[in-house]
Amino acid sequence: MTGVQFVTDEKGRKVGVRIDLKKHGALWQDFWDGVISESRRKEKSVPYSQYRGTFETQRTSWLTTRYTSRNQLFTQVDDKNLSGGSCT
């Protein structure tokens, strides 16, 4: 297979591999995804309802922060315009 070279130790045992990512990038991505998946196999899972609750809490917090900052910015701009300041 072109684009793949095995690295061997002094006894000729394969100890590593070099992969041409331009040729085999998708294959490497699939391999890496499998490695990550396998490494997490024994992790304790989180019930969907608990995950969803955490996600909603974080989302609400993010939205509140974002829109509070946005509203403060618009209030500052409006105050500047009403007081005769110029916007460029």
PDB file of N, CA and C in Angstrom:
ATOM      1  N   MET A   1       0.859  -1.177   0.000  1.00  0.00           N
ATOM      2  CA  MET A   1       0.000   0.000   0.000  1.00  0.00           C
ATOM      3  C   MET A   1       0.898   1.230   0.000  1.00  0.00           C
ATOM      4  N   THR A   2       0.716   2.086  -0.952  1.00  0.00           N
ATOM      5  CA  THR A   2       1.531   3.296  -1.004  1.00  0.00           C
ATOM      6  C   THR A   2       1.030   4.290   0.028  1.00  0.00           C
ATOM      7  N   GLY A   3       1.960   5.076   0.543  1.00  0.00           N
ATOM      8  CA  GLY A   3       1.591   6.087   1.525  1.00  0.00           C
ATOM      9  C   GLY A   3       1.575   5.580   2.956  1.00  0.00           C
ATOM     10  N   VAL A   4       2.005   4.317   3.157  1.00  0.00           N
ATOM     11  CA  VAL A   4       2.059   3.738   4.495  1.00  0.00           C
ATOM     12  C   VAL A   4       3.434   3.092   4.676  1.00  0.00           C
ATOM     13  N   GLN A   5       4.131   3.459   5.752  1.00  0.00           N
ATOM     14  CA  GLN A   5       5.437   2.872   6.060  1.00  0.00           C
ATOM     15  C   GLN A   5       5.424   2.407   7.507  1.00  0.00           C
ATOM     16  N   PHE A   6       5.884   1.177   7.727  1.00  0.00           N
ATOM     17  CA  PHE A   6       5.986   0.679   9.081  1.00  0.00           C
ATOM     18  C   PHE A   6       7.344   1.036   9.659  1.00  0.00           C
ATOM     19  N   VAL A   7       7.344   1.393  10.929  1.00  0.00           N
ATOM     20  CA  VAL A   7       8.569   1.671  11.663  1.00  0.00           C
ATOM     21  C   VAL A   7       8.867   0.419  12.471  1.00  0.00           C
ATOM     22  N   THR A   8      10.117  -0.060  12.383  1.00  0.00           N
ATOM     23  CA  THR A   8      10.484  -1.299  13.088  1.00  0.00           C
ATOM     24  C   THR A   8      11.580  -1.029  14.105  1.00  0.00           C
ATOM     25  N   ASP A   9      11.656  -1.897  15.101  1.00  0.00           N
ATOM     26  CA  ASP A   9      12.734  -1.799  16.078  1.00  0.00           C
ATOM     27  C   ASP A   9      13.945  -2.578  15.558  1.00  0.00           C
ATOM     28  N   GLU A  10      14.970  -2.689  16.387  1.00  0.00           N
ATOM     29  CA  GLU A  10      16.208  -3.345  15.950  1.00  0.00           C
ATOM     30  C   GLU A  10      16.030  -4.834  15.663  1.00  0.00           C
ATOM     31  N   LYS A  11      14.959  -5.433  16.160  1.00  0.00           N
ATOM     32  CA  LYS A  11      14.686  -6.852  15.894  1.00  0.00           C
ATOM     33  C   LYS A  11      13.729  -7.045  14.721  1.00  0.00           C
ATOM     34  N   GLY A  12      13.333  -5.949  14.071  1.00  0.00           N
ATOM     35  CA  GLY A  12      12.456  -6.042  12.910  1.00  0.00           C
ATOM     36  C   GLY A  12      10.974  -6.089  13.244  1.00  0.00           C
ATOM     37  N   ARG A  13      10.639  -5.892  14.521  1.00  0.00           N
ATOM     38  CA  ARG A  13       9.224  -5.894  14.921  1.00  0.00           C
ATOM     39  C   ARG A  13       8.594  -4.545  14.598  1.00  0.00           C
ATOM     40  N   LYS A  14       7.390  -4.580  14.093  1.00  0.00           N
ATOM     41  CA  LYS A  14       6.670  -3.344  13.776  1.00  0.00           C
ATOM     42  C   LYS A  14       6.268  -2.659  15.073  1.00  0.00           C
ATOM     43  N   VAL A  15       6.704  -1.420  15.224  1.00  0.00           N
ATOM     44  CA  VAL A  15       6.412  -0.674  16.444  1.00  0.00           C
ATOM     45  C   VAL A  15       5.667   0.623  16.164  1.00  0.00           C
ATOM     46  N   GLY A  16       5.515   0.978  14.913  1.00  0.00           N
ATOM     47  CA  GLY A  16       4.825   2.209  14.560  1.00  0.00           C
ATOM     48  C   GLY A  16       4.502   2.212  13.082  1.00  0.00           C
ATOM     49  N   VAL A  17       3.815   3.249  12.691  1.00  0.00           N
ATOM     50  CA  VAL A  17       3.440   3.385  11.290  1.00  0.00           C
ATOM     51  C   VAL A  17       3.446   4.857  10.914  1.00  0.00           C
ATOM     52  N   ARG A  18       3.876   5.139   9.700  1.00  0.00           N
ATOM     53  CA  ARG A  18       3.816   6.497   9.146  1.00  0.00           C
ATOM     54  C   ARG A  18       2.790   6.465   8.028  1.00  0.00           C
ATOM     55  N   ILE A  19       1.857   7.387   8.079  1.00  0.00           N
ATOM     56  CA  ILE A  19       0.773   7.417   7.103  1.00  0.00           C
ATOM     57  C   ILE A  19       0.793   8.755   6.384  1.00  0.00           C
ATOM     58  N   ASP A  20       0.721   8.714   5.078  1.00  0.00           N
ATOM     59  CA  ASP A  20       0.606   9.929   4.266  1.00  0.00           C
ATOM     60  C   ASP A  20      -0.842  10.417   4.389  1.00  0.00           C
ATOM     61  N   LEU A  21      -1.035  11.486   5.138  1.00  0.00           N
ATOM     62  CA  LEU A  21      -2.398  11.962   5.402  1.00  0.00           C
ATOM     63  C   LEU A  21      -3.055  12.576   4.171  1.00  0.00           C
ATOM     64  N   LYS A  22      -2.264  13.000   3.203  1.00  0.00           N
ATOM     65  CA  LYS A  22      -2.874  13.500   1.965  1.00  0.00           C
ATOM     66  C   LYS A  22      -3.567  12.369   1.221  1.00  0.00           C
ATOM     67  N   LYS A  23      -2.978  11.180   1.285  1.00  0.00           N
ATOM     68  CA  LYS A  23      -3.569  10.028   0.609  1.00  0.00           C
ATOM     69  C   LYS A  23      -4.599   9.302   1.471  1.00  0.00           C
ATOM     70  N   HIS A  24      -4.323   9.222   2.771  1.00  0.00           N
ATOM     71  CA  HIS A  24      -5.138   8.381   3.644  1.00  0.00           C
ATOM     72  C   HIS A  24      -5.713   9.136   4.844  1.00  0.00           C
ATOM     73  N   GLY A  25      -5.992  10.422   4.676  1.00  0.00           N
ATOM     74  CA  GLY A  25      -6.515  11.227   5.782  1.00  0.00           C
ATOM     75  C   GLY A  25      -7.845  10.723   6.311  1.00  0.00           C
ATOM     76  N   ALA A  26      -8.746  10.312   5.417  1.00  0.00           N
ATOM     77  CA  ALA A  26     -10.059   9.819   5.861  1.00  0.00           C
ATOM     78  C   ALA A  26      -9.911   8.516   6.629  1.00  0.00           C
ATOM     79  N   LEU A  27      -9.016   7.654   6.159  1.00  0.00           N
ATOM     80  CA  LEU A  27      -8.768   6.389   6.855  1.00  0.00           C
ATOM     81  C   LEU A  27      -8.221   6.644   8.256  1.00  0.00           C
ATOM     82  N   TRP A  28      -7.286   7.604   8.358  1.00  0.00           N
ATOM     83  CA  TRP A  28      -6.726   7.945   9.663  1.00  0.00           C
ATOM     84  C   TRP A  28      -7.818   8.490  10.591  1.00  0.00           C
ATOM     85  N   GLN A  29      -8.695   9.333  10.077  1.00  0.00           N
ATOM     86  CA  GLN A  29      -9.770   9.902  10.894  1.00  0.00           C
ATOM     87  C   GLN A  29     -10.671   8.797  11.436  1.00  0.00           C
ATOM     88  N   ASP A  30     -11.003   7.819  10.588  1.00  0.00           N
ATOM     89  CA  ASP A  30     -11.819   6.692  11.042  1.00  0.00           C
ATOM     90  C   ASP A  30     -11.102   5.903  12.134  1.00  0.00           C
ATOM     91  N   PHE A  31      -9.811   5.666  11.940  1.00  0.00           N
ATOM     92  CA  PHE A  31      -9.021   4.944  12.936  1.00  0.00           C
ATOM     93  C   PHE A  31      -9.011   5.708  14.263  1.00  0.00           C
ATOM     94  N   TRP A  32      -8.743   7.008  14.183  1.00  0.00           N
ATOM     95  CA  TRP A  32      -8.651   7.827  15.397  1.00  0.00           C
ATOM     96  C   TRP A  32     -10.001   7.878  16.133  1.00  0.00           C
ATOM     97  N   ASP A  33     -11.081   7.998  15.398  1.00  0.00           N
ATOM     98  CA  ASP A  33     -12.408   7.981  16.020  1.00  0.00           C
ATOM     99  C   ASP A  33     -12.627   6.678  16.778  1.00  0.00           C
ATOM    100  N   GLY A  34     -12.181   5.565  16.192  1.00  0.00           N
ATOM    101  CA  GLY A  34     -12.295   4.270  16.856  1.00  0.00           C
ATOM    102  C   GLY A  34     -11.474   4.192  18.132  1.00  0.00           C
ATOM    103  N   VAL A  35     -10.271   4.758  18.089  1.00  0.00           N
ATOM    104  CA  VAL A  35      -9.407   4.773  19.277  1.00  0.00           C
ATOM    105  C   VAL A  35     -10.063   5.572  20.400  1.00  0.00           C
ATOM    106  N   ILE A  36     -10.586   6.740  20.063  1.00  0.00           N
ATOM    107  CA  ILE A  36     -11.251   7.578  21.070  1.00  0.00           C
ATOM    108  C   ILE A  36     -12.471   6.860  21.637  1.00  0.00           C
ATOM    109  N   SER A  37     -13.263   6.271  20.765  1.00  0.00           N
ATOM    110  CA  SER A  37     -14.464   5.546  21.195  1.00  0.00           C
ATOM    111  C   SER A  37     -14.098   4.408  22.147  1.00  0.00           C
ATOM    112  N   GLU A  38     -13.085   3.654  21.793  1.00  0.00           N
ATOM    113  CA  GLU A  38     -12.659   2.528  22.630  1.00  0.00           C
ATOM    114  C   GLU A  38     -12.127   3.008  23.978  1.00  0.00           C
ATOM    115  N   SER A  39     -11.421   4.135  23.987  1.00  0.00           N
ATOM    116  CA  SER A  39     -10.865   4.646  25.240  1.00  0.00           C
ATOM    117  C   SER A  39     -11.966   5.102  26.200  1.00  0.00           C
ATOM    118  N   ARG A  40     -13.128   5.432  25.668  1.00  0.00           N
ATOM    119  CA  ARG A  40     -14.238   5.905  26.504  1.00  0.00           C
ATOM    120  C   ARG A  40     -15.254   4.816  26.815  1.00  0.00           C
ATOM    121  N   ARG A  41     -14.993   3.616  26.347  1.00  0.00           N
ATOM    122  CA  ARG A  41     -15.965   2.534  26.450  1.00  0.00           C
ATOM    123  C   ARG A  41     -16.389   2.221  27.880  1.00  0.00           C
ATOM    124  N   LYS A  42     -15.471   2.308  28.819  1.00  0.00           N
ATOM    125  CA  LYS A  42     -15.787   1.949  30.201  1.00  0.00           C
ATOM    126  C   LYS A  42     -16.208   3.138  31.057  1.00  0.00           C
ATOM    127  N   GLU A  43     -16.308   4.308  30.437  1.00  0.00           N
ATOM    128  CA  GLU A  43     -16.758   5.481  31.192  1.00  0.00           C
ATOM    129  C   GLU A  43     -18.228   5.323  31.556  1.00  0.00           C
ATOM    130  N   LYS A  44     -18.566   5.841  32.707  1.00  0.00           N
ATOM    131  CA  LYS A  44     -19.955   5.794  33.143  1.00  0.00           C
ATOM    132  C   LYS A  44     -20.772   6.736  32.251  1.00  0.00           C
ATOM    133  N   SER A  45     -21.897   6.251  31.796  1.00  0.00           N
ATOM    134  CA  SER A  45     -22.737   7.082  30.931  1.00  0.00           C
ATOM    135  C   SER A  45     -23.606   8.019  31.770  1.00  0.00           C
ATOM    136  N   VAL A  46     -24.103   9.043  31.112  1.00  0.00           N
ATOM    137  CA  VAL A  46     -24.962  10.029  31.760  1.00  0.00           C
ATOM    138  C   VAL A  46     -26.356   9.864  31.178  1.00  0.00           C
ATOM    139  N   PRO A  47     -27.388   9.749  32.014  1.00  0.00           N
ATOM    140  CA  PRO A  47     -28.750   9.652  31.493  1.00  0.00           C
ATOM    141  C   PRO A  47     -29.085  10.870  30.636  1.00  0.00           C
ATOM    142  N   TYR A  48     -29.830  10.646  29.575  1.00  0.00           N
ATOM    143  CA  TYR A  48     -30.160  11.725  28.643  1.00  0.00           C
ATOM    144  C   TYR A  48     -30.842  12.891  29.348  1.00  0.00           C
ATOM    145  N   SER A  49     -31.749  12.600  30.256  1.00  0.00           N
ATOM    146  CA  SER A  49     -32.469  13.678  30.943  1.00  0.00           C
ATOM    147  C   SER A  49     -31.509  14.562  31.737  1.00  0.00           C
ATOM    148  N   GLN A  50     -30.493  13.950  32.338  1.00  0.00           N
ATOM    149  CA  GLN A  50     -29.506  14.730  33.091  1.00  0.00           C
ATOM    150  C   GLN A  50     -28.658  15.566  32.125  1.00  0.00           C
ATOM    151  N   TYR A  51     -28.233  14.967  31.028  1.00  0.00           N
ATOM    152  CA  TYR A  51     -27.462  15.702  30.022  1.00  0.00           C
ATOM    153  C   TYR A  51     -28.276  16.867  29.482  1.00  0.00           C
ATOM    154  N   ARG A  52     -29.519  16.601  29.145  1.00  0.00           N
ATOM    155  CA  ARG A  52     -30.386  17.627  28.571  1.00  0.00           C
ATOM    156  C   ARG A  52     -30.595  18.775  29.552  1.00  0.00           C
ATOM    157  N   GLY A  53     -30.776  18.452  30.816  1.00  0.00           N
ATOM    158  CA  GLY A  53     -30.955  19.491  31.833  1.00  0.00           C
ATOM    159  C   GLY A  53     -29.725  20.369  31.957  1.00  0.00           C
ATOM    160  N   THR A  54     -28.542  19.766  31.950  1.00  0.00           N
ATOM    161  CA  THR A  54     -27.294  20.520  32.017  1.00  0.00           C
ATOM    162  C   THR A  54     -27.139  21.383  30.782  1.00  0.00           C
ATOM    163  N   PHE A  55     -27.449  20.816  29.625  1.00  0.00           N
ATOM    164  CA  PHE A  55     -27.350  21.553  28.364  1.00  0.00           C
ATOM    165  C   PHE A  55     -28.275  22.768  28.382  1.00  0.00           C
ATOM    166  N   GLU A  56     -29.512  22.572  28.819  1.00  0.00           N
ATOM    167  CA  GLU A  56     -30.472  23.684  28.844  1.00  0.00           C
ATOM    168  C   GLU A  56     -30.026  24.771  29.810  1.00  0.00           C
ATOM    169  N   THR A  57     -29.468  24.383  30.959  1.00  0.00           N
ATOM    170  CA  THR A  57     -28.982  25.360  31.936  1.00  0.00           C
ATOM    171  C   THR A  57     -27.849  26.178  31.328  1.00  0.00           C
ATOM    172  N   GLN A  58     -26.894  25.508  30.665  1.00  0.00           N
ATOM    173  CA  GLN A  58     -25.779  26.212  30.045  1.00  0.00           C
ATOM    174  C   GLN A  58     -26.272  27.111  28.907  1.00  0.00           C
ATOM    175  N   ARG A  59     -27.218  26.616  28.128  1.00  0.00           N
ATOM    176  CA  ARG A  59     -27.751  27.386  26.998  1.00  0.00           C
ATOM    177  C   ARG A  59     -28.462  28.643  27.499  1.00  0.00           C
ATOM    178  N   THR A  60     -29.275  28.482  28.528  1.00  0.00           N
ATOM    179  CA  THR A  60     -30.002  29.618  29.092  1.00  0.00           C
ATOM    180  C   THR A  60     -29.028  30.648  29.646  1.00  0.00           C
ATOM    181  N   SER A  61     -27.999  30.178  30.338  1.00  0.00           N
ATOM    182  CA  SER A  61     -26.993  31.078  30.893  1.00  0.00           C
ATOM    183  C   SER A  61     -26.276  31.831  29.779  1.00  0.00           C
ATOM    184  N   TRP A  62     -25.909  31.123  28.719  1.00  0.00           N
ATOM    185  CA  TRP A  62     -25.216  31.743  27.588  1.00  0.00           C
ATOM    186  C   TRP A  62     -26.114  32.780  26.914  1.00  0.00           C
ATOM    187  N   LEU A  63     -27.368  32.424  26.682  1.00  0.00           N
ATOM    188  CA  LEU A  63     -28.287  33.353  26.026  1.00  0.00           C
ATOM    189  C   LEU A  63     -28.527  34.589  26.878  1.00  0.00           C
ATOM    190  N   THR A  64     -28.683  34.387  28.174  1.00  0.00           N
ATOM    191  CA  THR A  64     -28.904  35.515  29.078  1.00  0.00           C
ATOM    192  C   THR A  64     -27.713  36.462  29.035  1.00  0.00           C
ATOM    193  N   THR A  65     -26.515  35.905  29.117  1.00  0.00           N
ATOM    194  CA  THR A  65     -25.302  36.725  29.076  1.00  0.00           C
ATOM    195  C   THR A  65     -25.190  37.447  27.750  1.00  0.00           C
ATOM    196  N   ARG A  66     -25.434  36.741  26.674  1.00  0.00           N
ATOM    197  CA  ARG A  66     -25.290  37.325  25.334  1.00  0.00           C
ATOM    198  C   ARG A  66     -26.284  38.464  25.126  1.00  0.00           C
ATOM    199  N   TYR A  67     -27.533  38.227  25.441  1.00  0.00           N
ATOM    200  CA  TYR A  67     -28.541  39.245  25.173  1.00  0.00           C
ATOM    201  C   TYR A  67     -28.481  40.392  26.171  1.00  0.00           C
ATOM    202  N   THR A  68     -28.021  40.130  27.381  1.00  0.00           N
ATOM    203  CA  THR A  68     -27.833  41.219  28.331  1.00  0.00           C
ATOM    204  C   THR A  68     -26.735  42.146  27.823  1.00  0.00           C
ATOM    205  N   SER A  69     -25.625  41.562  27.372  1.00  0.00           N
ATOM    206  CA  SER A  69     -24.521  42.370  26.831  1.00  0.00           C
ATOM    207  C   SER A  69     -24.976  43.116  25.590  1.00  0.00           C
ATOM    208  N   ARG A  70     -25.718  42.435  24.727  1.00  0.00           N
ATOM    209  CA  ARG A  70     -26.203  43.049  23.487  1.00  0.00           C
ATOM    210  C   ARG A  70     -27.131  44.222  23.809  1.00  0.00           C
ATOM    211  N   ASN A  71     -28.038  44.037  24.736  1.00  0.00           N
ATOM    212  CA  ASN A  71     -28.977  45.102  25.096  1.00  0.00           C
ATOM    213  C   ASN A  71     -28.252  46.281  25.726  1.00  0.00           C
ATOM    214  N   GLN A  72     -27.229  46.003  26.549  1.00  0.00           N
ATOM    215  CA  GLN A  72     -26.446  47.087  27.136  1.00  0.00           C
ATOM    216  C   GLN A  72     -25.737  47.876  26.039  1.00  0.00           C
ATOM    217  N   LEU A  73     -25.209  47.175  25.042  1.00  0.00           N
ATOM    218  CA  LEU A  73     -24.529  47.840  23.937  1.00  0.00           C
ATOM    219  C   LEU A  73     -25.506  48.739  23.181  1.00  0.00           C
ATOM    220  N   PHE A  74     -26.703  48.217  22.861  1.00  0.00           N
ATOM    221  CA  PHE A  74     -27.677  49.015  22.130  1.00  0.00           C
ATOM    222  C   PHE A  74     -28.161  50.192  22.967  1.00  0.00           C
ATOM    223  N   THR A  75     -28.290  49.999  24.261  1.00  0.00           N
ATOM    224  CA  THR A  75     -28.705  51.097  25.142  1.00  0.00           C
ATOM    225  C   THR A  75     -27.651  52.203  25.118  1.00  0.00           C
ATOM    226  N   GLN A  76     -26.379  51.822  25.155  1.00  0.00           N
ATOM    227  CA  GLN A  76     -25.306  52.815  25.102  1.00  0.00           C
ATOM    228  C   GLN A  76     -25.331  53.566  23.774  1.00  0.00           C
ATOM    229  N   VAL A  77     -25.535  52.851  22.686  1.00  0.00           N
ATOM    230  CA  VAL A  77     -25.585  53.483  21.370  1.00  0.00           C
ATOM    231  C   VAL A  77     -26.785  54.416  21.282  1.00  0.00           C
ATOM    232  N   ASP A  78     -27.956  53.968  21.757  1.00  0.00           N
ATOM    233  CA  ASP A  78     -29.152  54.800  21.721  1.00  0.00           C
ATOM    234  C   ASP A  78     -28.973  56.062  22.571  1.00  0.00           C
ATOM    235  N   ASP A  79     -28.375  55.909  23.767  1.00  0.00           N
ATOM    236  CA  ASP A  79     -28.148  57.048  24.627  1.00  0.00           C
ATOM    237  C   ASP A  79     -27.203  58.050  23.947  1.00  0.00           C
ATOM    238  N   LYS A  80     -26.215  57.539  23.250  1.00  0.00           N
ATOM    239  CA  LYS A  80     -25.278  58.411  22.567  1.00  0.00           C
ATOM    240  C   LYS A  80     -25.969  59.169  21.433  1.00  0.00           C
ATOM    241  N   ASN A  81     -26.820  58.481  20.691  1.00  0.00           N
ATOM    242  CA  ASN A  81     -27.538  59.107  19.587  1.00  0.00           C
ATOM    243  C   ASN A  81     -28.528  60.147  20.102  1.00  0.00           C
ATOM    244  N   LEU A  82     -29.204  59.834  21.199  1.00  0.00           N
ATOM    245  CA  LEU A  82     -30.208  60.763  21.736  1.00  0.00           C
ATOM    246  C   LEU A  82     -29.551  61.999  22.350  1.00  0.00           C
ATOM    247  N   SER A  83     -28.308  61.854  22.805  1.00  0.00           N
ATOM    248  CA  SER A  83     -27.655  62.993  23.448  1.00  0.00           C
ATOM    249  C   SER A  83     -26.890  63.849  22.459  1.00  0.00           C
ATOM    250  N   GLY A  84     -27.069  63.561  21.174  1.00  0.00           N
ATOM    251  CA  GLY A  84     -26.414  64.406  20.161  1.00  0.00           C
ATOM    252  C   GLY A  84     -25.076  63.870  19.712  1.00  0.00           C
ATOM    253  N   GLY A  85     -24.673  62.727  20.211  1.00  0.00           N
ATOM    254  CA  GLY A  85     -23.418  62.134  19.763  1.00  0.00           C
ATOM    255  C   GLY A  85     -23.567  61.620  18.340  1.00  0.00           C
ATOM    256  N   SER A  86     -22.482  61.375  17.689  1.00  0.00           N
ATOM    257  CA  SER A  86     -22.566  60.900  16.315  1.00  0.00           C
ATOM    258  C   SER A  86     -22.129  59.443  16.237  1.00  0.00           C
ATOM    259  N   CYS A  87     -22.750  58.723  15.328  1.00  0.00           N
ATOM    260  CA  CYS A  87     -22.343  57.357  15.062  1.00  0.00           C
ATOM    261  C   CYS A  87     -21.689  57.321  13.700  1.00  0.00           C
ATOM    262  N   THR A  88     -20.580  56.653  13.610  1.00  0.00           N
ATOM    263  CA  THR A  88     -19.896  56.551  12.315  1.00  0.00           C
ATOM    264  C   THR A  88     -19.898  55.137  11.849  1.00  0.00           C
TER     265      THR A  88
END
